Amino acid sequence: MNNKTRYLTTEEPRINCSSILKKKFNSKFWEFLHSIWKIFVKKLLLDSNELQVWQKVDRYGNTYWQAYDPATGKSFSSGSQADVCMWIEQLYRY
């Protein structure tokens, strides 16, 4: 009787950690540079006295609006676009 026993060996995959870290670093680095570039372009093109209105999303996924008037230093925030429009109209009415 020929009794052959075979053991299956699993080779652990060789992961090159340095290449993974390089890719992750490059990605984060370029994201950082891109965010700085966007801020720079915004500052360059934006009139410092112009009314600013933007939409944001909080960490819970709720969308809201913010407005800021650099000339008066006043700001307003609301979940409704109509509320922000009314605030702007009242701000410039008087």
C-alpha atoms as a PDB file:
ATOM      1  CA  MET A   1       0.000   0.000   0.000  1.00  0.00           C
ATOM      2  CA  ASN A   2       1.376   3.275  -1.111  1.00  0.00           C
ATOM      3  CA  ASN A   3       0.334   5.912   1.360  1.00  0.00           C
ATOM      4  CA  LYS A   4       1.356   9.344   0.179  1.00  0.00           C
ATOM      5  CA  THR A   5       0.519  12.265   2.373  1.00  0.00           C
ATOM      6  CA  ARG A   6       0.604  15.726   0.902  1.00  0.00           C
ATOM      7  CA  TYR A   7       0.454  18.869   2.904  1.00  0.00           C
ATOM      8  CA  LEU A   8      -0.866  21.929   1.249  1.00  0.00           C
ATOM      9  CA  THR A   9       1.246  24.918   1.976  1.00  0.00           C
ATOM     10  CA  THR A  10      -0.068  28.355   1.559  1.00  0.00           C
ATOM     11  CA  GLU A  11       2.374  30.941   0.596  1.00  0.00           C
ATOM     12  CA  GLU A  12       1.649  34.226   2.209  1.00  0.00           C
ATOM     13  CA  PRO A  13       1.362  36.944  -0.364  1.00  0.00           C
ATOM     14  CA  ARG A  14       4.296  39.233  -0.274  1.00  0.00           C
ATOM     15  CA  ILE A  15       3.150  42.757   0.178  1.00  0.00           C
ATOM     16  CA  ASN A  16       5.560  45.514  -0.507  1.00  0.00           C
ATOM     17  CA  CYS A  17       4.630  47.931   2.264  1.00  0.00           C
ATOM     18  CA  SER A  18       6.923  50.649   1.029  1.00  0.00           C
ATOM     19  CA  SER A  19       5.134  50.840  -2.342  1.00  0.00           C
ATOM     20  CA  ILE A  20       1.733  50.991  -0.630  1.00  0.00           C
ATOM     21  CA  LEU A  21       2.926  53.762   1.653  1.00  0.00           C
ATOM     22  CA  LYS A  22       4.402  55.653  -1.300  1.00  0.00           C
ATOM     23  CA  LYS A  23       1.119  55.464  -3.207  1.00  0.00           C
ATOM     24  CA  LYS A  24      -0.849  56.576  -0.150  1.00  0.00           C
ATOM     25  CA  PHE A  25       1.614  59.392   0.546  1.00  0.00           C
ATOM     26  CA  ASN A  26       1.545  60.563  -3.068  1.00  0.00           C
ATOM     27  CA  SER A  27      -2.237  60.580  -3.074  1.00  0.00           C
ATOM     28  CA  LYS A  28      -2.478  62.548   0.177  1.00  0.00           C
ATOM     29  CA  PHE A  29       0.281  64.902  -0.918  1.00  0.00           C
ATOM     30  CA  TRP A  30      -1.441  65.721  -4.220  1.00  0.00           C
ATOM     31  CA  GLU A  31      -4.797  66.156  -2.469  1.00  0.00           C
ATOM     32  CA  PHE A  32      -3.123  68.614  -0.089  1.00  0.00           C
ATOM     33  CA  LEU A  33      -1.504  70.546  -2.954  1.00  0.00           C
ATOM     34  CA  HIS A  34      -4.809  70.620  -4.837  1.00  0.00           C
ATOM     35  CA  SER A  35      -6.644  72.048  -1.814  1.00  0.00           C
ATOM     36  CA  ILE A  36      -3.997  74.777  -1.423  1.00  0.00           C
ATOM     37  CA  TRP A  37      -4.259  75.585  -5.130  1.00  0.00           C
ATOM     38  CA  LYS A  38      -8.052  75.925  -4.898  1.00  0.00           C
ATOM     39  CA  ILE A  39      -7.731  78.319  -1.944  1.00  0.00           C
ATOM     40  CA  PHE A  40      -5.095  80.363  -3.780  1.00  0.00           C
ATOM     41  CA  VAL A  41      -7.225  80.688  -6.934  1.00  0.00           C
ATOM     42  CA  LYS A  42     -10.286  81.598  -4.866  1.00  0.00           C
ATOM     43  CA  LYS A  43      -8.388  84.361  -3.051  1.00  0.00           C
ATOM     44  CA  LEU A  44      -6.912  85.614  -6.300  1.00  0.00           C
ATOM     45  CA  LEU A  45     -10.198  85.841  -8.188  1.00  0.00           C
ATOM     46  CA  LEU A  46     -12.479  86.889  -5.352  1.00  0.00           C
ATOM     47  CA  ASP A  47     -13.280  90.546  -4.819  1.00  0.00           C
ATOM     48  CA  SER A  48     -12.676  91.222  -1.134  1.00  0.00           C
ATOM     49  CA  ASN A  49     -15.849  93.319  -0.733  1.00  0.00           C
ATOM     50  CA  GLU A  50     -18.155  91.048  -2.699  1.00  0.00           C
ATOM     51  CA  LEU A  51     -21.001  89.194  -0.996  1.00  0.00           C
ATOM     52  CA  GLN A  52     -20.121  85.523  -0.559  1.00  0.00           C
ATOM     53  CA  VAL A  53     -22.695  82.721  -0.518  1.00  0.00           C
ATOM     54  CA  TRP A  54     -21.857  79.030  -0.394  1.00  0.00           C
ATOM     55  CA  GLN A  55     -23.456  75.706   0.355  1.00  0.00           C
ATOM     56  CA  LYS A  56     -22.043  73.262   2.889  1.00  0.00           C
ATOM     57  CA  VAL A  57     -22.793  69.747   4.048  1.00  0.00           C
ATOM     58  CA  ASP A  58     -22.292  68.827   7.701  1.00  0.00           C
ATOM     59  CA  ARG A  59     -21.016  65.480   8.952  1.00  0.00           C
ATOM     60  CA  TYR A  60     -24.571  64.129   9.139  1.00  0.00           C
ATOM     61  CA  GLY A  61     -25.248  64.870   5.479  1.00  0.00           C
ATOM     62  CA  ASN A  62     -27.464  67.891   6.099  1.00  0.00           C
ATOM     63  CA  THR A  63     -27.123  70.648   3.514  1.00  0.00           C
ATOM     64  CA  TYR A  64     -27.181  74.274   4.572  1.00  0.00           C
ATOM     65  CA  TRP A  65     -26.340  77.691   3.180  1.00  0.00           C
ATOM     66  CA  GLN A  66     -23.976  80.333   4.489  1.00  0.00           C
ATOM     67  CA  ALA A  67     -23.657  83.965   3.466  1.00  0.00           C
ATOM     68  CA  TYR A  68     -21.106  86.585   4.437  1.00  0.00           C
ATOM     69  CA  ASP A  69     -20.927  90.276   3.598  1.00  0.00           C
ATOM     70  CA  PRO A  70     -17.352  91.557   4.061  1.00  0.00           C
ATOM     71  CA  ALA A  71     -18.473  95.180   3.702  1.00  0.00           C
ATOM     72  CA  THR A  72     -20.651  94.987   6.830  1.00  0.00           C
ATOM     73  CA  GLY A  73     -19.018  91.999   8.544  1.00  0.00           C
ATOM     74  CA  LYS A  74     -22.418  90.313   8.892  1.00  0.00           C
ATOM     75  CA  SER A  75     -23.038  86.645   8.214  1.00  0.00           C
ATOM     76  CA  PHE A  76     -26.048  84.352   8.056  1.00  0.00           C
ATOM     77  CA  SER A  77     -26.591  80.596   7.962  1.00  0.00           C
ATOM     78  CA  SER A  78     -29.742  78.624   7.212  1.00  0.00           C
ATOM     79  CA  GLY A  79     -30.953  75.312   5.875  1.00  0.00           C
ATOM     80  CA  SER A  80     -33.129  77.148   3.394  1.00  0.00           C
ATOM     81  CA  GLN A  81     -31.937  78.909   0.274  1.00  0.00           C
ATOM     82  CA  ALA A  82     -35.018  81.148   0.427  1.00  0.00           C
ATOM     83  CA  ASP A  83     -34.044  82.328   3.923  1.00  0.00           C
ATOM     84  CA  VAL A  84     -30.597  83.316   2.693  1.00  0.00           C
ATOM     85  CA  CYS A  85     -32.138  85.216  -0.226  1.00  0.00           C
ATOM     86  CA  MET A  86     -34.450  87.078   2.158  1.00  0.00           C
ATOM     87  CA  TRP A  87     -31.490  87.953   4.410  1.00  0.00           C
ATOM     88  CA  ILE A  88     -29.583  89.368   1.432  1.00  0.00           C
ATOM     89  CA  GLU A  89     -32.589  91.422   0.335  1.00  0.00           C
ATOM     90  CA  GLN A  90     -33.042  92.852   3.833  1.00  0.00           C
ATOM     91  CA  LEU A  91     -29.324  93.553   4.106  1.00  0.00           C
ATOM     92  CA  TYR A  92     -29.300  95.695   0.980  1.00  0.00           C
ATOM     93  CA  ARG A  93     -32.775  97.198   1.327  1.00  0.00           C
ATOM     94  CA  TYR A  94     -31.742  99.837   3.844  1.00  0.00           C
END
